[in-house]
Protein backbone atom coordinates (compact mmCIF):
# COMPACT_ATOMS: atom_id res chain seq x y z
CA MET A 1 78.52 99.67 62.63
CA ILE A 2 81.05 101.96 61.60
CA LEU A 3 81.57 105.50 63.13
CA GLN A 4 84.05 107.60 61.14
CA SER A 5 85.73 110.71 62.16
CA LYS A 6 88.93 112.80 61.63
CA ARG A 7 89.37 113.68 65.36
CA VAL A 8 88.79 110.59 67.45
CA TRP A 9 90.61 110.67 70.72
CA ILE A 10 92.91 107.52 70.96
CA LEU A 11 96.26 106.84 72.61
CA ASN A 12 96.39 110.37 74.03
CA GLN A 13 96.03 112.04 70.56
CA TRP A 14 93.51 112.79 67.87
CA MET A 15 93.47 109.99 65.02
CA GLU A 16 91.63 109.72 61.76
CA VAL A 17 89.98 106.45 61.97
CA GLN A 18 87.19 104.54 61.77
CA VAL A 19 85.57 102.86 64.89
CA GLU A 20 83.80 99.57 64.41
CA PHE A 21 81.31 98.37 67.24
CA SER A 22 78.60 95.99 67.65
CA ALA A 23 75.11 96.75 69.26
CA GLU A 24 74.67 93.22 69.66
CA THR A 25 77.77 92.76 72.11
CA GLY A 26 78.14 96.28 73.12
CA LYS A 27 81.71 96.17 72.32
CA ILE A 28 84.10 97.80 70.06
CA THR A 29 85.28 95.48 67.65
CA GLY A 30 87.96 97.29 65.62
CA ILE A 31 89.88 100.26 64.83
CA LEU A 32 90.35 101.03 61.05
CA PRO A 33 92.16 103.43 59.03
CA TYR A 34 90.27 106.41 57.91
CA GLY A 35 88.05 105.48 54.91
CA THR A 36 88.82 101.67 54.94
CA GLU A 37 85.11 100.91 54.82
CA PRO A 38 81.84 102.73 54.07
CA ALA A 39 80.85 104.48 57.39
CA ASP A 40 77.47 104.23 58.80
CA LEU A 41 77.84 107.49 60.83
CA ASP A 42 80.14 109.82 59.27
CA VAL A 43 80.59 112.93 61.61
CA GLY A 44 83.37 114.68 59.78
CA ASN A 45 85.77 116.56 61.74
CA LEU A 46 83.68 116.55 65.13
CA ARG A 47 85.51 115.20 68.06
CA VAL A 48 84.77 111.59 69.23
CA VAL A 49 85.75 110.72 72.88
CA PRO A 50 85.26 107.98 75.30
CA GLY A 51 81.89 108.00 77.34
CA PHE A 52 81.89 110.22 80.48
CA ILE A 53 81.79 108.48 84.05
CA ASP A 54 80.25 110.22 86.73
CA VAL A 55 81.30 108.69 90.09
CA HIS A 56 79.65 111.24 92.45
CA THR A 57 76.13 112.32 91.39
CA HIS A 58 72.79 112.31 93.35
CA GLY A 59 70.10 112.85 90.87
CA ALA A 60 68.70 115.17 88.29
CA TYR A 61 65.43 116.05 86.79
CA GLY A 62 63.59 116.07 90.34
CA PHE A 63 64.88 112.51 91.46
CA ASP A 64 67.33 111.95 94.06
CA THR A 65 69.08 108.40 94.87
CA ASN A 66 67.48 108.37 98.37
CA ASP A 67 64.03 108.57 96.90
CA ALA A 68 64.21 104.86 96.21
CA ASP A 69 61.77 105.51 93.11
CA GLU A 70 62.45 102.99 90.19
CA GLU A 71 60.95 105.06 87.49
CA GLY A 72 62.98 108.30 88.61
CA LEU A 73 66.16 106.38 88.56
CA LYS A 74 65.26 105.13 84.99
CA HIS A 75 64.22 108.46 83.58
CA TRP A 76 67.70 109.87 85.02
CA LEU A 77 69.66 107.04 83.13
CA GLN A 78 67.89 107.75 79.87
CA ASN A 79 68.26 111.55 80.07
CA ILE A 80 72.00 112.05 81.48
CA VAL A 81 73.18 110.93 77.81
CA SER A 82 72.43 114.18 76.71
CA GLU A 83 75.51 115.46 78.38
CA GLY A 84 77.70 112.56 77.15
CA VAL A 85 77.57 110.44 80.51
CA THR A 86 77.62 106.82 79.48
CA GLY A 87 78.08 105.43 83.20
CA ILE A 88 77.11 106.70 86.66
CA LEU A 89 77.46 105.94 90.50
CA PRO A 90 74.28 107.06 91.88
CA THR A 91 75.20 108.48 95.10
CA THR A 92 73.40 108.54 98.46
CA ILE A 93 73.25 111.18 100.99
CA THR A 94 73.33 110.65 104.92
CA GLN A 95 70.17 109.33 106.20
CA SER A 96 68.55 106.87 108.64
CA GLU A 97 69.45 103.00 107.81
CA GLU A 98 65.74 102.57 106.61
CA VAL A 99 66.14 105.23 103.88
CA LEU A 100 69.40 104.32 103.01
CA THR A 101 68.57 100.74 102.76
CA LYS A 102 65.60 101.35 100.49
CA ALA A 103 67.89 103.47 98.32
CA LEU A 104 70.22 100.63 97.84
CA LYS A 105 67.95 98.08 97.05
CA ASN A 106 66.13 100.30 94.37
CA VAL A 107 69.68 101.11 92.68
CA ALA A 108 70.28 97.33 92.84
CA LYS A 109 66.96 96.41 91.36
CA VAL A 110 67.30 98.72 88.53
CA ALA A 111 70.80 97.56 87.95
CA ARG A 112 69.76 93.89 87.82
CA GLU A 113 67.22 94.85 85.14
CA GLN A 114 69.53 96.64 83.19
CA LYS A 115 72.30 93.90 83.10
CA ALA A 116 69.46 91.53 81.97
CA ASP A 117 68.34 93.57 79.33
CA ARG A 118 69.92 96.55 78.14
CA THR A 119 66.81 97.60 76.13
CA ALA A 120 64.59 97.41 79.32
CA VAL A 121 66.64 100.13 80.87
CA PRO A 122 68.12 102.39 78.33
CA GLY A 123 70.76 105.25 78.84
CA ALA A 124 73.54 105.47 80.81
CA GLU A 125 74.82 102.40 82.85
CA ILE A 126 74.80 101.85 86.47
CA LEU A 127 78.47 101.11 87.28
CA GLY A 128 77.91 100.79 91.20
CA ILE A 129 76.75 102.86 93.97
CA HIS A 130 78.65 105.82 95.87
CA PHE A 131 77.78 105.53 99.45
CA GLU A 132 78.37 109.32 100.92
CA GLY A 133 77.76 109.04 104.49
CA PRO A 134 76.53 108.53 106.99
CA TYR A 135 80.02 108.05 108.42
CA LEU A 136 81.00 111.61 108.25
CA SER A 137 82.03 114.33 110.44
CA ARG A 138 79.18 116.82 111.91
CA LYS A 139 81.88 119.77 111.58
CA PHE A 140 82.15 119.67 107.95
CA LYS A 141 78.81 117.95 107.23
CA GLY A 142 77.78 120.58 104.56
CA ALA A 143 74.37 119.84 103.35
CA GLN A 144 74.29 116.37 105.01
CA PRO A 145 71.90 116.17 107.89
CA GLU A 146 73.73 116.31 111.12
CA GLU A 147 71.41 114.04 113.02
CA PHE A 148 72.36 110.85 110.95
CA CYS A 149 76.18 111.65 110.77
CA VAL A 150 77.81 108.71 112.80
CA ALA A 151 81.05 106.89 113.40
CA PRO A 152 81.82 104.17 111.33
CA ASP A 153 80.07 100.85 111.99
CA LEU A 154 81.29 97.63 110.20
CA ALA A 155 78.35 95.49 111.42
CA GLN A 156 75.83 98.17 109.70
CA PHE A 157 77.80 98.50 106.97
CA ARG A 158 77.57 94.71 106.13
CA ARG A 159 74.12 95.12 106.12
CA TYR A 160 74.11 98.16 103.55
CA LEU A 161 76.55 96.14 101.25
CA ALA A 162 74.26 93.13 101.37
CA ALA A 163 71.15 95.58 100.55
CA SER A 164 73.27 96.82 97.54
CA ASP A 165 73.87 93.44 96.13
CA GLY A 166 77.44 94.54 96.70
CA LEU A 167 77.18 97.23 94.24
CA ILE A 168 78.92 99.82 96.57
CA ARG A 169 81.96 100.83 94.88
CA ILE A 170 82.93 103.93 96.85
CA VAL A 171 82.45 104.92 100.59
CA THR A 172 83.00 108.70 101.63
CA LEU A 173 83.78 108.77 105.09
CA ALA A 174 85.61 110.81 107.89
CA CYS A 175 88.71 108.98 108.48
CA GLU A 176 89.50 110.70 112.06
CA GLN A 177 86.38 108.79 113.37
CA ASP A 178 87.33 105.42 112.11
CA GLU A 179 88.80 103.99 115.12
CA GLY A 180 92.09 101.99 114.21
CA TYR A 181 91.13 102.39 110.54
CA GLN A 182 88.98 99.46 110.68
CA MET A 183 86.45 100.50 108.14
CA THR A 184 88.87 101.77 105.68
CA LYS A 185 90.77 98.48 105.92
CA PHE A 186 87.76 96.48 105.34
CA LEU A 187 86.73 98.41 102.21
CA SER A 188 90.16 98.36 100.75
CA GLU A 189 90.16 94.57 101.41
CA ASN A 190 87.05 94.18 99.60
CA GLY A 191 87.75 96.10 96.73
CA ILE A 192 85.93 98.95 97.64
CA VAL A 193 87.33 102.76 97.41
CA ALA A 194 87.52 104.50 100.65
CA SER A 195 87.44 108.16 99.95
CA LEU A 196 87.98 111.01 102.74
CA GLY A 197 85.52 113.47 102.61
CA HIS A 198 83.28 115.84 105.00
CA SER A 199 86.10 115.20 107.25
CA SER A 200 88.03 117.35 109.82
CA ALA A 201 91.13 115.01 109.48
CA THR A 202 94.57 116.80 109.48
CA PHE A 203 97.34 115.88 106.95
CA GLU A 204 98.86 113.38 109.21
CA GLN A 205 95.47 111.52 109.98
CA ALA A 206 94.84 111.67 105.96
CA ALA A 207 98.41 110.06 105.45
CA MET A 208 97.53 107.28 107.97
CA ALA A 209 94.33 106.70 106.34
CA PHE A 210 96.12 106.39 102.87
CA ALA A 211 98.61 103.91 104.52
CA ASN A 212 95.84 101.83 105.54
CA GLY A 213 93.89 101.58 102.10
CA ALA A 214 92.01 104.77 101.32
CA ARG A 215 92.60 105.84 97.68
CA SER A 216 90.64 108.97 97.18
CA VAL A 217 89.53 112.30 98.31
CA THR A 218 85.55 113.30 97.72
CA HIS A 219 85.18 116.68 96.22
CA VAL A 220 88.60 118.13 97.00
CA TYR A 221 88.50 121.54 98.68
CA ASN A 222 84.86 121.14 99.72
CA GLY A 223 83.57 119.40 102.98
CA MET A 224 87.08 119.72 104.72
CA ALA A 225 89.37 122.43 106.29
CA PRO A 226 91.08 124.78 103.74
CA PHE A 227 94.58 124.30 102.65
CA HIS A 228 96.88 126.45 104.74
CA HIS A 229 100.48 126.60 104.41
CA ARG A 230 101.35 125.53 107.86
CA ASN A 231 98.15 123.19 108.23
CA PRO A 232 97.73 121.49 104.58
CA GLY A 233 94.86 119.08 105.92
CA ILE A 234 93.28 116.84 103.35
CA PRO A 235 93.57 119.26 100.41
CA GLY A 236 97.35 119.13 101.08
CA ALA A 237 97.44 115.28 101.46
CA ALA A 238 95.60 115.16 98.08
CA PHE A 239 98.08 117.35 96.36
CA ARG A 240 101.23 115.55 98.13
CA PHE A 241 100.35 112.05 97.43
CA LYS A 242 100.61 111.69 93.71
CA ASP A 243 99.00 107.99 93.50
CA VAL A 244 95.80 108.92 95.42
CA PHE A 245 92.80 109.90 93.44
CA GLY A 246 90.99 113.28 94.11
CA GLU A 247 87.47 114.05 93.05
CA ILE A 248 86.53 117.51 92.09
CA ILE A 249 83.67 119.82 91.19
CA CYS A 250 84.55 121.56 87.91
CA ASP A 251 81.64 124.28 87.97
CA GLY A 252 83.95 127.38 88.92
CA LEU A 253 81.47 127.72 92.14
CA HIS A 254 82.76 125.12 94.35
CA SER A 255 86.18 125.95 93.38
CA ASP A 256 87.57 128.77 91.19
CA TRP A 257 89.40 128.33 87.91
CA ALA A 258 92.99 129.22 89.53
CA SER A 259 91.99 126.44 92.31
CA LEU A 260 91.13 123.96 89.47
CA TYR A 261 94.32 124.64 87.98
CA THR A 262 96.31 124.11 90.91
CA PHE A 263 94.54 120.67 91.57
CA PHE A 264 95.24 119.38 88.26
CA THR A 265 98.95 120.66 87.96
CA CYS A 266 99.16 118.84 91.18
CA LYS A 267 97.56 115.53 90.39
CA GLY A 268 98.60 115.33 86.67
CA PRO A 269 96.76 113.43 84.00
CA ASP A 270 96.05 110.14 85.67
CA TYR A 271 94.78 110.85 89.07
CA GLY A 272 92.21 113.85 88.98
CA VAL A 273 88.44 112.75 88.68
CA MET A 274 85.82 115.17 87.68
CA VAL A 275 82.47 114.76 89.38
CA SER A 276 79.13 116.75 89.15
CA ASP A 277 78.07 116.19 92.68
CA ALA A 278 74.76 116.92 90.94
CA LEU A 279 71.40 117.36 92.88
CA ARG A 280 67.95 116.69 91.92
CA PHE A 281 67.82 120.41 90.80
CA LYS A 282 69.66 119.52 87.40
CA GLY A 283 67.17 120.10 84.62
CA LEU A 284 64.69 122.14 86.81
CA PRO A 285 63.88 126.13 86.83
CA VAL A 286 66.04 128.37 88.98
CA GLY A 287 64.23 129.10 92.12
CA THR A 288 63.04 125.48 92.79
CA GLN A 289 63.31 124.70 96.34
CA MET A 290 63.17 120.96 97.34
CA LEU A 291 64.15 118.75 100.14
CA PHE A 292 67.99 117.02 100.19
CA GLY A 293 68.61 114.90 102.95
CA GLY A 294 65.77 116.36 104.88
CA ASN A 295 67.12 119.84 104.27
CA LEU A 296 65.33 122.40 102.29
CA VAL A 297 67.53 123.43 99.27
CA GLU A 298 67.28 126.00 96.55
CA LEU A 299 68.63 126.40 93.01
CA CYS A 300 70.32 129.46 92.49
CA GLU A 301 70.70 131.69 89.28
CA ASP A 302 74.25 130.64 88.94
CA GLY A 303 73.44 126.94 88.75
CA SER A 304 74.62 126.19 92.52
CA ALA A 305 72.32 124.65 95.01
CA HIS A 306 72.29 126.17 98.54
CA LEU A 307 70.85 125.28 101.64
CA ALA A 308 67.75 127.60 101.59
CA GLY A 309 68.53 131.07 103.36
CA SER A 310 72.13 130.34 103.53
CA GLU A 311 75.61 130.49 101.87
CA THR A 312 75.99 126.66 102.44
CA LEU A 313 76.83 124.82 99.16
CA ALA A 314 74.62 121.82 98.87
CA GLY A 315 75.80 120.18 95.59
CA SER A 316 75.62 121.40 91.67
CA THR A 317 73.91 121.12 88.54
CA LEU A 318 77.08 120.69 86.50
CA ARG A 319 76.80 118.88 83.17
CA ILE A 320 79.74 116.88 82.56
CA ASN A 321 80.55 118.02 78.97
CA GLU A 322 80.18 121.68 80.42
CA GLY A 323 82.67 120.62 83.07
CA LEU A 324 85.22 119.49 80.32
CA ARG A 325 84.77 122.93 78.73
CA ASN A 326 85.42 124.73 81.92
CA LEU A 327 88.57 122.86 82.29
CA VAL A 328 89.96 123.48 79.03
CA GLU A 329 88.53 126.86 78.16
CA LYS A 330 88.65 128.50 81.69
CA ALA A 331 90.68 126.73 83.96
CA GLY A 332 93.39 126.15 81.15
CA VAL A 333 93.91 122.68 82.10
CA PRO A 334 95.74 120.39 79.04
CA TRP A 335 93.19 118.47 77.07
CA GLN A 336 94.73 115.25 78.03
CA THR A 337 94.35 115.61 81.82
CA ALA A 338 90.74 117.21 81.38
CA ILE A 339 89.53 114.34 79.29
CA ASN A 340 90.89 111.88 81.26
CA SER A 341 89.33 113.22 84.41
CA CYS A 342 85.81 112.16 83.17
CA THR A 343 86.87 108.89 81.31
CA ILE A 344 89.90 106.68 82.12
CA ASN A 345 90.34 108.02 85.47
CA PRO A 346 86.97 107.35 87.06
CA ALA A 347 87.27 104.00 85.43
CA ARG A 348 90.41 103.55 87.06
CA LEU A 349 89.26 104.56 90.33
CA ILE A 350 86.47 101.81 90.26
CA GLY A 351 88.47 99.06 88.85
CA LEU A 352 86.79 99.17 85.41
CA GLU A 353 89.72 100.45 83.19
CA ARG A 354 89.76 97.24 81.22
CA LYS A 355 86.20 97.74 79.98
CA LYS A 356 85.77 101.62 80.08
CA GLY A 357 87.47 104.87 79.60
CA THR A 358 89.23 104.87 76.53
CA VAL A 359 88.37 104.30 72.72
CA GLN A 360 89.98 100.66 71.98
CA ALA A 361 89.24 97.52 70.52
CA GLY A 362 87.67 94.85 73.10
CA LYS A 363 86.18 97.79 75.52
CA ASP A 364 82.64 98.76 75.87
CA ALA A 365 81.36 100.94 72.94
CA ASP A 366 80.58 104.03 74.96
CA LEU A 367 81.51 107.02 72.73
CA VAL A 368 80.63 110.69 72.77
CA VAL A 369 80.78 112.89 69.48
CA LEU A 370 81.17 116.27 70.73
CA ARG A 371 80.73 119.62 68.86
CA ASP A 372 83.39 122.15 69.02
CA ASP A 373 81.50 124.11 71.54
CA TYR A 374 81.60 120.90 73.73
CA THR A 375 77.89 120.41 73.46
CA VAL A 376 76.78 116.71 72.55
CA GLU A 377 75.83 115.67 69.11
CA MET A 378 75.53 111.93 69.94
CA THR A 379 75.99 109.51 72.54
CA ILE A 380 76.54 105.88 72.26
CA CYS A 381 76.01 103.54 75.11
CA ARG A 382 77.46 99.94 74.72
CA GLY A 383 76.86 100.06 71.28
CA VAL A 384 73.44 101.93 71.06
CA THR A 385 72.76 105.46 69.87
CA GLU A 386 70.74 107.10 72.54
């Protein structure tokens, strides 16, 4: 199969090329000069970019990862391609060990089916699991249920890791509760990203966590003390340490446009990671009320989700293609920085940069065709048009 466009994002520039790929292998087999061969898909001047990767997303279309519902997860994977997402980390929320274990086992089961037969579980690929909690600060719990927020427990986490078939790729934790940084060091030693979030850590505590193996910050600005010029906290640490990744929700609600610009200016093109932090509300009508982590949450008219009757943000309904538009058109973030934040940077964060994140021969054929208004014309997942 050959896809041809006058604007394909390769090597941090737009190129007039043909992208040759195989549905059988799911790989890009070659990049050819424009017009070399008859094109099966000629998209003219539409932009072709790498498939988007969302490493922090709880659910959509009425489904939440904690539901442990196989069909709900499959429905999510099949429909999320409409926003150009080709890979996700289904994300848990703090709950009891019983609920979390069932959720992990469900994701692992569907991932096994998808790996065995891509046609049996079409759509976006499960790239792992983001384990958000239960090792979080009660002070900065946000919408996480307080009664289940606990200190890190290595014996317990080993049970969770086994239940997930080793699929946990990121763990969000409050590092100030991690005595001797034991959990942080265990995660680092086992190739799992320790990400600071829902935490009351100081700048100094965050620095020590990074020194002991933490590699990322979860939804910068949210779930942590705000930045202050005499007490920079975790946001200041995210700005200061250039080789630490930082997630950020690019909906203009969790962080305004100037704050998004500041964040990406500090992180540069290689360490900012756009996430949706989307809830089951995505794709549902405004005013919908549903439980999230045992708490009643309501979908608001502006697309945000709040704990019912409060101002507490519970998550978003952001579509990643809209997040890309927000960064470029509203926050004024350079294109390279913006596109990297939802493609190669999340791939690097979870160690998949040799397979994902750029349009290159030998990598997975995950491609998105974007119209000029950032709506999705076509999504290709591992060589299959969805």
